[in-house]
Amino acid sequence: MNDSSENLEPPDNEFPSEGRLLGLDYGTKRVGVAISTFEQNIASPLENYTRQSKEKDESFFTKIIHEYQCKGLVVGLPVHMSGDEGQKAKEARQFGNWISQFAQIPVRFWDERFSSATAEEFLVNVNVSRNKRKAYLDKLAAQIILQSFLESSDRNQIPKSF
């Protein structure tokens, strides 16, 4: 992941309106993964991926993107309550752009505020034990991010980079 890819985003008209999308809840240790339907109306949690090395991470995401024939990538952007971006947002942008480049699919970044809290609250409400929540939290957060993107009337609302 080099810094030159940090702010590269494809033009709005290049993001597909049909075909599966891959949704990611970025983390330095784990990445939550979700997938959309071909029609881009429903997001489902897929799995949690524990990051290993740049090579293994690339192999994992390449396999998922090819297996599900993903046409686009939606990465949760952890912005502060003020809307400002910090270090984690910069890392998420670099990560998303890195995957977009090697997979040759367009990427969109989506405000992920409250996604983890919403996922946690859901898991508590359905009585998932504290010990088991970790196994579901990241992929459920990825689903929430991707579903929010799918339901948006303006999918081109890209959080701007500061």
N, C-alpha and C. Protein backbone atom coordinates (compact mmCIF):
# COMPACT_ATOMS: atom_id res chain seq x y z
N MET A 1 0.85 -1.18 0.00
CA MET A 1 0.00 0.00 0.00
C MET A 1 0.89 1.23 0.00
N ASN A 2 0.99 1.88 -1.10
CA ASN A 2 1.84 3.05 -1.13
C ASN A 2 1.00 4.31 -1.05
N ASP A 3 1.66 5.39 -0.65
CA ASP A 3 0.95 6.64 -0.43
C ASP A 3 0.41 7.25 -1.71
N SER A 4 0.98 6.89 -2.87
CA SER A 4 0.52 7.49 -4.11
C SER A 4 -0.90 7.08 -4.45
N SER A 5 -1.37 5.94 -3.92
CA SER A 5 -2.73 5.49 -4.21
C SER A 5 -3.75 6.04 -3.22
N GLU A 6 -3.28 6.80 -2.27
CA GLU A 6 -4.12 7.23 -1.15
C GLU A 6 -5.40 7.92 -1.57
N ASN A 7 -5.36 8.83 -2.53
CA ASN A 7 -6.55 9.60 -2.85
C ASN A 7 -7.13 9.28 -4.22
N LEU A 8 -6.68 8.21 -4.85
CA LEU A 8 -7.21 7.84 -6.15
C LEU A 8 -8.60 7.23 -6.01
N GLU A 9 -9.55 7.78 -6.70
CA GLU A 9 -10.89 7.20 -6.75
C GLU A 9 -11.37 7.33 -8.18
N PRO A 10 -12.04 6.29 -8.69
CA PRO A 10 -12.51 6.37 -10.07
C PRO A 10 -13.63 7.40 -10.22
N PRO A 11 -13.83 7.91 -11.42
CA PRO A 11 -14.95 8.84 -11.64
C PRO A 11 -16.27 8.17 -11.27
N ASP A 12 -17.25 8.98 -10.89
CA ASP A 12 -18.54 8.47 -10.44
C ASP A 12 -19.18 7.50 -11.43
N ASN A 13 -19.04 7.78 -12.73
CA ASN A 13 -19.73 6.95 -13.70
C ASN A 13 -19.11 5.56 -13.85
N GLU A 14 -17.99 5.31 -13.23
CA GLU A 14 -17.35 4.01 -13.35
C GLU A 14 -17.81 3.03 -12.29
N PHE A 15 -18.59 3.47 -11.32
CA PHE A 15 -19.02 2.55 -10.27
C PHE A 15 -20.26 1.80 -10.76
N PRO A 16 -20.24 0.47 -10.70
CA PRO A 16 -21.32 -0.32 -11.28
C PRO A 16 -22.64 -0.20 -10.53
N SER A 17 -23.74 -0.21 -11.28
CA SER A 17 -25.07 -0.16 -10.67
C SER A 17 -25.70 -1.55 -10.59
N GLU A 18 -25.00 -2.54 -11.13
CA GLU A 18 -25.44 -3.93 -10.96
C GLU A 18 -24.21 -4.81 -10.85
N GLY A 19 -24.41 -5.98 -10.29
CA GLY A 19 -23.30 -6.88 -10.01
C GLY A 19 -23.00 -6.84 -8.52
N ARG A 20 -22.43 -7.89 -8.03
CA ARG A 20 -22.14 -7.97 -6.59
C ARG A 20 -21.10 -6.94 -6.16
N LEU A 21 -21.30 -6.44 -4.95
CA LEU A 21 -20.34 -5.53 -4.34
C LEU A 21 -19.78 -6.21 -3.09
N LEU A 22 -18.53 -5.94 -2.82
CA LEU A 22 -17.87 -6.44 -1.62
C LEU A 22 -17.82 -5.29 -0.62
N GLY A 23 -18.32 -5.51 0.58
CA GLY A 23 -18.30 -4.50 1.63
C GLY A 23 -17.26 -4.88 2.67
N LEU A 24 -16.46 -3.90 3.11
CA LEU A 24 -15.42 -4.17 4.09
C LEU A 24 -15.49 -3.22 5.27
N ASP A 25 -15.36 -3.78 6.46
CA ASP A 25 -15.19 -3.01 7.68
C ASP A 25 -13.72 -3.15 8.03
N TYR A 26 -12.93 -2.13 7.67
CA TYR A 26 -11.48 -2.17 7.81
C TYR A 26 -11.04 -2.16 9.27
N GLY A 27 -10.03 -2.97 9.54
CA GLY A 27 -9.36 -2.96 10.83
C GLY A 27 -7.91 -3.34 10.63
N THR A 28 -7.06 -2.90 11.54
CA THR A 28 -5.64 -3.21 11.39
C THR A 28 -5.35 -4.69 11.64
N LYS A 29 -6.21 -5.35 12.44
CA LYS A 29 -6.03 -6.78 12.73
C LYS A 29 -7.05 -7.64 11.98
N ARG A 30 -8.30 -7.21 11.97
CA ARG A 30 -9.37 -7.97 11.33
C ARG A 30 -10.15 -7.09 10.38
N VAL A 31 -10.68 -7.73 9.33
CA VAL A 31 -11.52 -7.03 8.36
C VAL A 31 -12.84 -7.79 8.27
N GLY A 32 -13.93 -7.10 8.51
CA GLY A 32 -15.25 -7.69 8.32
C GLY A 32 -15.59 -7.66 6.84
N VAL A 33 -16.15 -8.76 6.34
CA VAL A 33 -16.44 -8.88 4.91
C VAL A 33 -17.92 -9.18 4.71
N ALA A 34 -18.54 -8.42 3.80
CA ALA A 34 -19.94 -8.64 3.44
C ALA A 34 -20.05 -8.63 1.93
N ILE A 35 -21.15 -9.18 1.43
CA ILE A 35 -21.36 -9.28 -0.01
C ILE A 35 -22.79 -8.87 -0.33
N SER A 36 -22.98 -8.24 -1.48
CA SER A 36 -24.33 -7.86 -1.89
C SER A 36 -24.86 -8.87 -2.89
N THR A 37 -26.16 -8.79 -3.12
CA THR A 37 -26.77 -9.55 -4.20
C THR A 37 -26.36 -8.91 -5.52
N PHE A 38 -26.56 -9.63 -6.61
CA PHE A 38 -26.26 -9.09 -7.94
C PHE A 38 -27.04 -7.82 -8.20
N GLU A 39 -28.28 -7.76 -7.72
CA GLU A 39 -29.15 -6.60 -7.94
C GLU A 39 -28.79 -5.42 -7.04
N GLN A 40 -27.86 -5.62 -6.14
CA GLN A 40 -27.39 -4.58 -5.21
C GLN A 40 -28.53 -4.05 -4.34
N ASN A 41 -29.34 -4.97 -3.79
CA ASN A 41 -30.40 -4.53 -2.89
C ASN A 41 -30.29 -5.14 -1.50
N ILE A 42 -29.56 -6.23 -1.35
CA ILE A 42 -29.42 -6.87 -0.04
C ILE A 42 -27.95 -7.18 0.22
N ALA A 43 -27.50 -6.84 1.42
CA ALA A 43 -26.13 -7.16 1.85
C ALA A 43 -26.20 -8.28 2.89
N SER A 44 -25.26 -9.19 2.81
CA SER A 44 -25.18 -10.29 3.77
C SER A 44 -23.77 -10.37 4.33
N PRO A 45 -23.66 -10.68 5.63
CA PRO A 45 -22.32 -10.85 6.20
C PRO A 45 -21.68 -12.09 5.61
N LEU A 46 -20.39 -12.04 5.34
CA LEU A 46 -19.70 -13.17 4.74
C LEU A 46 -18.74 -13.81 5.74
N GLU A 47 -17.76 -13.04 6.20
CA GLU A 47 -16.82 -13.59 7.17
C GLU A 47 -15.96 -12.49 7.77
N ASN A 48 -15.23 -12.87 8.80
CA ASN A 48 -14.20 -12.02 9.38
C ASN A 48 -12.88 -12.56 8.88
N TYR A 49 -12.03 -11.67 8.43
CA TYR A 49 -10.71 -12.08 7.96
C TYR A 49 -9.67 -11.49 8.89
N THR A 50 -8.80 -12.35 9.38
CA THR A 50 -7.70 -11.89 10.22
C THR A 50 -6.51 -11.61 9.31
N ARG A 51 -6.07 -10.37 9.31
CA ARG A 51 -4.98 -9.97 8.42
C ARG A 51 -3.69 -10.69 8.80
N GLN A 52 -2.89 -11.01 7.77
CA GLN A 52 -1.66 -11.76 7.98
C GLN A 52 -0.44 -11.05 7.41
N SER A 53 -0.35 -10.98 6.11
CA SER A 53 0.75 -10.28 5.44
C SER A 53 0.16 -9.68 4.17
N LYS A 54 0.89 -8.77 3.58
CA LYS A 54 0.39 -8.12 2.36
C LYS A 54 0.09 -9.16 1.29
N GLU A 55 0.96 -10.15 1.12
CA GLU A 55 0.78 -11.18 0.10
C GLU A 55 -0.44 -12.06 0.40
N LYS A 56 -0.57 -12.51 1.64
CA LYS A 56 -1.70 -13.37 2.01
C LYS A 56 -3.02 -12.60 1.96
N ASP A 57 -2.98 -11.34 2.38
CA ASP A 57 -4.19 -10.51 2.32
C ASP A 57 -4.63 -10.33 0.87
N GLU A 58 -3.69 -10.05 -0.02
CA GLU A 58 -4.01 -9.88 -1.43
C GLU A 58 -4.60 -11.17 -2.00
N SER A 59 -4.02 -12.29 -1.65
CA SER A 59 -4.50 -13.59 -2.11
C SER A 59 -5.93 -13.85 -1.63
N PHE A 60 -6.19 -13.56 -0.35
CA PHE A 60 -7.53 -13.76 0.21
C PHE A 60 -8.56 -12.91 -0.53
N PHE A 61 -8.31 -11.61 -0.66
CA PHE A 61 -9.29 -10.73 -1.28
C PHE A 61 -9.45 -11.01 -2.77
N THR A 62 -8.37 -11.38 -3.43
CA THR A 62 -8.47 -11.77 -4.84
C THR A 62 -9.38 -12.98 -5.00
N LYS A 63 -9.22 -13.96 -4.14
CA LYS A 63 -10.04 -15.17 -4.19
C LYS A 63 -11.52 -14.84 -3.99
N ILE A 64 -11.82 -14.03 -2.96
CA ILE A 64 -13.22 -13.66 -2.67
C ILE A 64 -13.82 -12.88 -3.85
N ILE A 65 -13.07 -11.91 -4.37
CA ILE A 65 -13.57 -11.07 -5.46
C ILE A 65 -13.85 -11.91 -6.70
N HIS A 66 -12.97 -12.85 -7.00
CA HIS A 66 -13.19 -13.72 -8.17
C HIS A 66 -14.32 -14.72 -7.92
N GLU A 67 -14.33 -15.31 -6.74
CA GLU A 67 -15.35 -16.32 -6.42
C GLU A 67 -16.76 -15.74 -6.52
N TYR A 68 -16.94 -14.52 -6.02
CA TYR A 68 -18.26 -13.90 -6.03
C TYR A 68 -18.47 -12.96 -7.22
N GLN A 69 -17.46 -12.85 -8.08
CA GLN A 69 -17.52 -11.99 -9.27
C GLN A 69 -17.91 -10.56 -8.90
N CYS A 70 -17.24 -10.01 -7.91
CA CYS A 70 -17.54 -8.66 -7.43
C CYS A 70 -17.17 -7.62 -8.47
N LYS A 71 -18.04 -6.64 -8.62
CA LYS A 71 -17.84 -5.57 -9.60
C LYS A 71 -17.42 -4.26 -8.96
N GLY A 72 -17.51 -4.19 -7.63
CA GLY A 72 -17.14 -2.97 -6.92
C GLY A 72 -16.87 -3.27 -5.47
N LEU A 73 -16.26 -2.30 -4.81
CA LEU A 73 -15.82 -2.43 -3.42
C LEU A 73 -16.33 -1.24 -2.63
N VAL A 74 -16.93 -1.51 -1.46
CA VAL A 74 -17.39 -0.45 -0.56
C VAL A 74 -16.66 -0.62 0.76
N VAL A 75 -15.87 0.37 1.14
CA VAL A 75 -15.07 0.30 2.35
C VAL A 75 -15.58 1.32 3.35
N GLY A 76 -15.83 0.85 4.56
CA GLY A 76 -16.27 1.74 5.62
C GLY A 76 -15.17 2.73 5.98
N LEU A 77 -15.55 3.98 6.09
CA LEU A 77 -14.58 5.03 6.43
C LEU A 77 -14.86 5.52 7.85
N PRO A 78 -13.92 5.24 8.76
CA PRO A 78 -14.12 5.63 10.16
C PRO A 78 -13.83 7.12 10.39
N VAL A 79 -14.87 7.93 10.22
CA VAL A 79 -14.72 9.36 10.44
C VAL A 79 -15.14 9.71 11.87
N HIS A 80 -14.60 10.81 12.37
CA HIS A 80 -14.95 11.28 13.71
C HIS A 80 -16.39 11.82 13.69
N MET A 81 -16.97 12.00 14.86
CA MET A 81 -18.32 12.52 14.96
C MET A 81 -18.47 13.87 14.26
N SER A 82 -17.38 14.64 14.22
CA SER A 82 -17.39 15.94 13.55
C SER A 82 -17.40 15.81 12.03
N GLY A 83 -17.11 14.60 11.55
CA GLY A 83 -17.00 14.38 10.11
C GLY A 83 -15.57 14.43 9.63
N ASP A 84 -14.67 14.84 10.51
CA ASP A 84 -13.25 14.90 10.15
C ASP A 84 -12.67 13.50 10.09
N GLU A 85 -11.61 13.37 9.29
CA GLU A 85 -10.92 12.09 9.16
C GLU A 85 -9.62 12.11 9.96
N GLY A 86 -9.35 10.99 10.61
CA GLY A 86 -8.11 10.84 11.34
C GLY A 86 -7.23 9.79 10.69
N GLN A 87 -6.31 9.26 11.46
CA GLN A 87 -5.36 8.27 10.96
C GLN A 87 -6.05 7.00 10.47
N LYS A 88 -7.05 6.51 11.20
CA LYS A 88 -7.74 5.28 10.80
C LYS A 88 -8.46 5.45 9.46
N ALA A 89 -9.02 6.62 9.22
CA ALA A 89 -9.68 6.88 7.93
C ALA A 89 -8.64 6.88 6.81
N LYS A 90 -7.49 7.47 7.07
CA LYS A 90 -6.42 7.47 6.07
C LYS A 90 -6.00 6.04 5.76
N GLU A 91 -5.86 5.21 6.79
CA GLU A 91 -5.48 3.81 6.60
C GLU A 91 -6.56 3.05 5.82
N ALA A 92 -7.83 3.32 6.12
CA ALA A 92 -8.93 2.65 5.42
C ALA A 92 -8.92 3.04 3.94
N ARG A 93 -8.66 4.31 3.65
CA ARG A 93 -8.57 4.76 2.25
C ARG A 93 -7.42 4.06 1.53
N GLN A 94 -6.27 3.99 2.19
CA GLN A 94 -5.12 3.32 1.58
C GLN A 94 -5.42 1.85 1.31
N PHE A 95 -6.06 1.19 2.27
CA PHE A 95 -6.42 -0.21 2.16
C PHE A 95 -7.40 -0.44 1.00
N GLY A 96 -8.45 0.36 0.95
CA GLY A 96 -9.44 0.23 -0.12
C GLY A 96 -8.85 0.50 -1.49
N ASN A 97 -8.01 1.52 -1.59
CA ASN A 97 -7.38 1.83 -2.87
C ASN A 97 -6.40 0.73 -3.29
N TRP A 98 -5.72 0.15 -2.32
CA TRP A 98 -4.79 -0.95 -2.58
C TRP A 98 -5.55 -2.14 -3.19
N ILE A 99 -6.66 -2.54 -2.56
CA ILE A 99 -7.46 -3.65 -3.08
C ILE A 99 -8.02 -3.30 -4.46
N SER A 100 -8.53 -2.09 -4.62
CA SER A 100 -9.09 -1.65 -5.89
C SER A 100 -8.06 -1.77 -7.01
N GLN A 101 -6.83 -1.43 -6.72
CA GLN A 101 -5.78 -1.46 -7.74
C GLN A 101 -5.42 -2.89 -8.15
N PHE A 102 -5.17 -3.77 -7.19
CA PHE A 102 -4.78 -5.12 -7.60
C PHE A 102 -5.95 -5.93 -8.13
N ALA A 103 -7.17 -5.65 -7.65
CA ALA A 103 -8.34 -6.40 -8.11
C ALA A 103 -8.95 -5.78 -9.37
N GLN A 104 -8.55 -4.56 -9.67
CA GLN A 104 -9.04 -3.82 -10.83
C GLN A 104 -10.57 -3.66 -10.81
N ILE A 105 -11.08 -3.29 -9.62
CA ILE A 105 -12.49 -2.93 -9.47
C ILE A 105 -12.55 -1.58 -8.77
N PRO A 106 -13.59 -0.79 -9.05
CA PRO A 106 -13.69 0.53 -8.42
C PRO A 106 -14.05 0.43 -6.94
N VAL A 107 -13.67 1.46 -6.21
CA VAL A 107 -13.92 1.51 -4.76
C VAL A 107 -14.71 2.76 -4.42
N ARG A 108 -15.58 2.62 -3.43
CA ARG A 108 -16.27 3.75 -2.81
C ARG A 108 -16.04 3.65 -1.32
N PHE A 109 -15.92 4.81 -0.69
CA PHE A 109 -15.75 4.86 0.76
C PHE A 109 -17.05 5.37 1.35
N TRP A 110 -17.46 4.76 2.46
CA TRP A 110 -18.77 5.05 3.03
C TRP A 110 -18.63 5.32 4.52
N ASP A 111 -19.27 6.37 4.97
CA ASP A 111 -19.25 6.75 6.39
C ASP A 111 -19.73 5.56 7.23
N GLU A 112 -18.88 5.11 8.11
CA GLU A 112 -19.24 3.93 8.91
C GLU A 112 -19.59 4.27 10.35
N ARG A 113 -19.80 5.55 10.64
CA ARG A 113 -20.16 5.91 12.01
C ARG A 113 -21.34 5.07 12.49
N PHE A 114 -21.23 4.56 13.67
CA PHE A 114 -22.25 3.77 14.35
C PHE A 114 -22.40 2.33 13.85
N SER A 115 -21.67 1.92 12.81
CA SER A 115 -21.85 0.56 12.29
C SER A 115 -21.47 -0.50 13.33
N SER A 116 -20.35 -0.32 14.00
CA SER A 116 -19.94 -1.31 15.02
C SER A 116 -20.87 -1.27 16.23
N ALA A 117 -21.29 -0.07 16.61
CA ALA A 117 -22.20 0.05 17.75
C ALA A 117 -23.56 -0.57 17.41
N THR A 118 -24.02 -0.36 16.19
CA THR A 118 -25.29 -0.96 15.75
C THR A 118 -25.18 -2.48 15.74
N ALA A 119 -24.06 -2.98 15.23
CA ALA A 119 -23.83 -4.43 15.19
C ALA A 119 -23.79 -5.01 16.60
N GLU A 120 -23.09 -4.33 17.49
CA GLU A 120 -22.98 -4.78 18.88
C GLU A 120 -24.36 -4.81 19.55
N GLU A 121 -25.13 -3.74 19.35
CA GLU A 121 -26.47 -3.66 19.94
C GLU A 121 -27.36 -4.79 19.42
N PHE A 122 -27.28 -5.05 18.13
CA PHE A 122 -28.07 -6.14 17.54
C PHE A 122 -27.70 -7.48 18.19
N LEU A 123 -26.41 -7.74 18.31
CA LEU A 123 -25.97 -9.01 18.88
C LEU A 123 -26.39 -9.15 20.35
N VAL A 124 -26.37 -8.06 21.09
CA VAL A 124 -26.84 -8.09 22.48
C VAL A 124 -28.34 -8.39 22.51
N ASN A 125 -29.09 -7.74 21.62
CA ASN A 125 -30.55 -7.91 21.60
C ASN A 125 -31.00 -9.31 21.20
N VAL A 126 -30.16 -10.03 20.44
CA VAL A 126 -30.52 -11.40 20.07
C VAL A 126 -29.81 -12.41 20.97
N ASN A 127 -29.34 -11.90 22.10
CA ASN A 127 -28.75 -12.74 23.16
C ASN A 127 -27.53 -13.55 22.76
N VAL A 128 -26.67 -12.97 21.92
CA VAL A 128 -25.40 -13.62 21.61
C VAL A 128 -24.46 -13.33 22.78
N SER A 129 -23.86 -14.37 23.30
CA SER A 129 -22.99 -14.19 24.46
C SER A 129 -21.81 -13.27 24.13
N ARG A 130 -21.29 -12.64 25.16
CA ARG A 130 -20.17 -11.71 24.99
C ARG A 130 -18.99 -12.41 24.30
N ASN A 131 -18.75 -13.66 24.66
CA ASN A 131 -17.62 -14.40 24.07
C ASN A 131 -17.82 -14.68 22.58
N LYS A 132 -19.05 -14.85 22.15
CA LYS A 132 -19.32 -15.17 20.75
C LYS A 132 -19.49 -13.93 19.87
N ARG A 133 -19.71 -12.77 20.49
CA ARG A 133 -19.95 -11.55 19.72
C ARG A 133 -18.78 -11.20 18.82
N LYS A 134 -17.56 -11.44 19.30
CA LYS A 134 -16.37 -11.10 18.52
C LYS A 134 -16.37 -11.82 17.18
N ALA A 135 -16.90 -13.05 17.15
CA ALA A 135 -16.93 -13.83 15.92
C ALA A 135 -17.89 -13.26 14.88
N TYR A 136 -18.84 -12.43 15.32
CA TYR A 136 -19.84 -11.89 14.41
C TYR A 136 -19.70 -10.39 14.16
N LEU A 137 -19.09 -9.68 15.07
CA LEU A 137 -19.13 -8.22 15.08
C LEU A 137 -18.62 -7.57 13.79
N ASP A 138 -17.44 -7.93 13.33
CA ASP A 138 -16.86 -7.24 12.18
C ASP A 138 -17.62 -7.52 10.88
N LYS A 139 -18.02 -8.78 10.66
CA LYS A 139 -18.75 -9.07 9.43
C LYS A 139 -20.15 -8.47 9.46
N LEU A 140 -20.74 -8.36 10.64
CA LEU A 140 -22.04 -7.70 10.76
C LEU A 140 -21.90 -6.20 10.52
N ALA A 141 -20.82 -5.60 11.02
CA ALA A 141 -20.56 -4.18 10.76
C ALA A 141 -20.36 -3.95 9.26
N ALA A 142 -19.66 -4.87 8.59
CA ALA A 142 -19.46 -4.76 7.14
C ALA A 142 -20.81 -4.83 6.41
N GLN A 143 -21.70 -5.70 6.89
CA GLN A 143 -23.03 -5.80 6.29
C GLN A 143 -23.79 -4.49 6.46
N ILE A 144 -23.72 -3.91 7.65
CA ILE A 144 -24.43 -2.65 7.93
C ILE A 144 -23.90 -1.53 7.04
N ILE A 145 -22.59 -1.45 6.87
CA ILE A 145 -21.98 -0.44 6.00
C ILE A 145 -22.45 -0.63 4.56
N LEU A 146 -22.36 -1.86 4.08
CA LEU A 146 -22.75 -2.14 2.69
C LEU A 146 -24.24 -1.91 2.47
N GLN A 147 -25.08 -2.34 3.42
CA GLN A 147 -26.53 -2.14 3.27
C GLN A 147 -26.87 -0.65 3.26
N SER A 148 -26.20 0.13 4.08
CA SER A 148 -26.41 1.58 4.10
C SER A 148 -26.07 2.18 2.73
N PHE A 149 -24.98 1.73 2.15
CA PHE A 149 -24.59 2.19 0.82
C PHE A 149 -25.66 1.80 -0.21
N LEU A 150 -26.11 0.55 -0.15
CA LEU A 150 -27.10 0.05 -1.12
C LEU A 150 -28.41 0.82 -1.04
N GLU A 151 -28.79 1.24 0.17
CA GLU A 151 -30.06 1.93 0.37
C GLU A 151 -29.99 3.44 0.13
N SER A 152 -28.81 3.95 -0.08
CA SER A 152 -28.64 5.39 -0.24
C SER A 152 -29.20 5.87 -1.58
N SER A 153 -29.85 7.02 -1.55
CA SER A 153 -30.36 7.60 -2.79
C SER A 153 -29.23 8.29 -3.56
N ASP A 154 -28.12 8.54 -2.89
CA ASP A 154 -26.96 9.17 -3.55
C ASP A 154 -25.71 8.39 -3.20
N ARG A 155 -25.42 7.38 -3.99
CA ARG A 155 -24.24 6.53 -3.76
C ARG A 155 -22.94 7.24 -4.10
N ASN A 156 -23.03 8.40 -4.70
CA ASN A 156 -21.83 9.14 -5.07
C ASN A 156 -21.39 10.12 -3.99
N GLN A 157 -22.05 10.09 -2.85
CA GLN A 157 -21.65 10.93 -1.73
C GLN A 157 -20.39 10.34 -1.11
N ILE A 158 -19.27 10.70 -1.68
CA ILE A 158 -18.00 10.15 -1.21
C ILE A 158 -17.46 11.09 -0.15
N PRO A 159 -17.18 10.55 1.05
CA PRO A 159 -16.57 11.41 2.07
C PRO A 159 -15.27 11.99 1.50
N LYS A 160 -15.11 13.27 1.64
CA LYS A 160 -13.92 13.88 1.05
C LYS A 160 -12.73 13.65 1.96
N SER A 161 -11.58 13.58 1.35
CA SER A 161 -10.34 13.35 2.08
C SER A 161 -9.80 14.69 2.55
N PHE A 162 -9.33 14.73 3.78
CA PHE A 162 -8.77 15.97 4.34
C PHE A 162 -7.28 15.91 4.36
